[in-house]
Amino acid sequence: MRSICAAPRNCCARSVRCCASPSHSRTRGDRAVGGPAYVYYLVEAVVDTGILLGIPRSAALEMVIQTVCGAATMLGESCEHPVPLREAGTSPLGSHRLGRP
């Protein structure tokens, strides 16, 4: 599949980090954070929404991948809490604030 975005698909590779945690807290932490499966649910839902809006599946998937990579990179590099980042990207009367595509 040819990328429709200028950024390379491996954009998240440089921002992957590991954090050590005590072994007794790993199970609780894994349950609280949820792991990649929750991200995949999010991607699946957004891609399905794109398809409902008439975007081809491959294009919708590529756009979501780039969005997730960009958001993860910004979150990892900004030292900001997610709330101010979300608020900075939300227009006052935009679809994000209204909760619809």
Protein backbone atom coordinates (compact mmCIF):
# COMPACT_ATOMS: atom_id res chain seq x y z
CA MET A 1 0.00 0.00 0.00
CA ARG A 2 1.41 3.41 -0.95
CA SER A 3 1.41 5.91 1.90
CA ILE A 4 -0.84 8.92 1.33
CA CYS A 5 0.97 10.91 4.00
CA ALA A 6 4.37 12.58 3.83
CA ALA A 7 5.54 11.22 7.19
CA PRO A 8 7.11 7.74 7.20
CA ARG A 9 5.07 4.90 8.69
CA ASN A 10 7.75 4.15 11.26
CA CYS A 11 7.28 7.56 12.90
CA CYS A 12 6.59 6.03 16.30
CA ALA A 13 9.77 3.94 16.40
CA ARG A 14 11.91 6.77 17.74
CA SER A 15 9.56 7.55 20.61
CA VAL A 16 9.13 4.03 22.04
CA ARG A 17 10.20 3.89 25.68
CA CYS A 18 10.16 1.33 28.43
CA CYS A 19 9.55 2.07 32.07
CA ALA A 20 10.56 -0.23 34.88
CA SER A 21 8.01 -1.01 37.54
CA PRO A 22 8.08 -3.32 40.54
CA SER A 23 6.92 -6.81 39.64
CA HIS A 24 4.03 -6.67 42.14
CA SER A 25 2.51 -3.65 40.39
CA ARG A 26 2.80 -4.90 36.82
CA THR A 27 -0.47 -6.82 36.83
CA ARG A 28 -2.40 -3.88 38.24
CA GLY A 29 -0.65 -1.49 35.85
CA ASP A 30 -1.36 -3.73 32.87
CA ARG A 31 -5.03 -3.84 33.81
CA ALA A 32 -5.25 -0.09 34.34
CA VAL A 33 -3.46 0.87 31.13
CA GLY A 34 -4.95 -1.91 29.04
CA GLY A 35 -2.13 -2.35 26.57
CA PRO A 36 -2.24 -2.06 22.81
CA ALA A 37 -5.63 -3.76 22.47
CA TYR A 38 -7.39 -0.59 23.62
CA VAL A 39 -5.51 1.45 21.03
CA TYR A 40 -6.53 -1.08 18.37
CA TYR A 41 -10.19 -0.70 19.42
CA LEU A 42 -9.84 3.06 19.02
CA VAL A 43 -8.22 2.66 15.60
CA GLU A 44 -10.90 0.21 14.50
CA ALA A 45 -13.70 2.57 15.55
CA VAL A 46 -12.20 5.62 13.85
CA VAL A 47 -11.46 3.68 10.64
CA ASP A 48 -15.05 2.37 10.61
CA THR A 49 -16.31 5.93 11.03
CA GLY A 50 -14.16 7.05 8.09
CA ILE A 51 -15.59 4.26 5.97
CA LEU A 52 -19.14 5.31 6.89
CA LEU A 53 -18.22 8.82 5.73
CA GLY A 54 -17.09 7.46 2.35
CA ILE A 55 -13.32 7.22 2.83
CA PRO A 56 -11.77 4.03 1.39
CA ARG A 57 -10.63 1.59 4.09
CA SER A 58 -6.93 1.77 3.16
CA ALA A 59 -6.94 5.59 3.20
CA ALA A 60 -8.87 5.72 6.48
CA LEU A 61 -6.45 3.28 8.10
CA GLU A 62 -3.42 5.23 6.89
CA MET A 63 -4.85 8.51 8.20
CA VAL A 64 -5.62 6.97 11.59
CA ILE A 65 -2.15 5.41 11.83
CA GLN A 66 -0.53 8.76 11.10
CA THR A 67 -2.80 10.52 13.60
CA VAL A 68 -2.07 8.00 16.36
CA CYS A 69 1.68 8.15 15.68
CA GLY A 70 1.64 11.95 15.64
CA ALA A 71 -0.40 12.17 18.83
CA ALA A 72 1.82 9.62 20.60
CA THR A 73 4.94 11.48 19.51
CA MET A 74 3.55 14.82 20.68
CA LEU A 75 2.48 13.32 23.99
CA GLY A 76 5.85 11.67 24.53
CA GLU A 77 7.93 14.70 23.60
CA SER A 78 5.85 17.53 25.06
CA CYS A 79 5.90 16.67 28.80
CA GLU A 80 2.27 17.89 28.81
CA HIS A 81 -0.72 16.14 30.29
CA PRO A 82 -3.07 14.89 27.52
CA VAL A 83 -5.84 17.35 28.45
CA PRO A 84 -4.03 20.56 27.35
CA LEU A 85 -2.90 18.83 24.14
CA ARG A 86 -6.49 17.81 23.36
CA GLU A 87 -7.81 21.24 24.21
CA ALA A 88 -5.18 22.91 22.00
CA GLY A 89 -6.38 20.83 19.06
CA THR A 90 -10.10 21.41 19.63
CA SER A 91 -11.80 24.38 18.00
CA PRO A 92 -14.61 26.06 20.01
CA LEU A 93 -17.41 24.83 17.72
CA GLY A 94 -15.56 21.92 16.14
CA SER A 95 -16.66 18.32 15.80
CA HIS A 96 -14.42 17.20 18.67
CA ARG A 97 -16.21 19.42 21.15
CA LEU A 98 -19.64 18.49 19.77
CA GLY A 99 -18.78 14.78 19.89
CA ARG A 100 -19.55 13.90 16.30
CA PRO A 101 -17.60 13.44 13.05
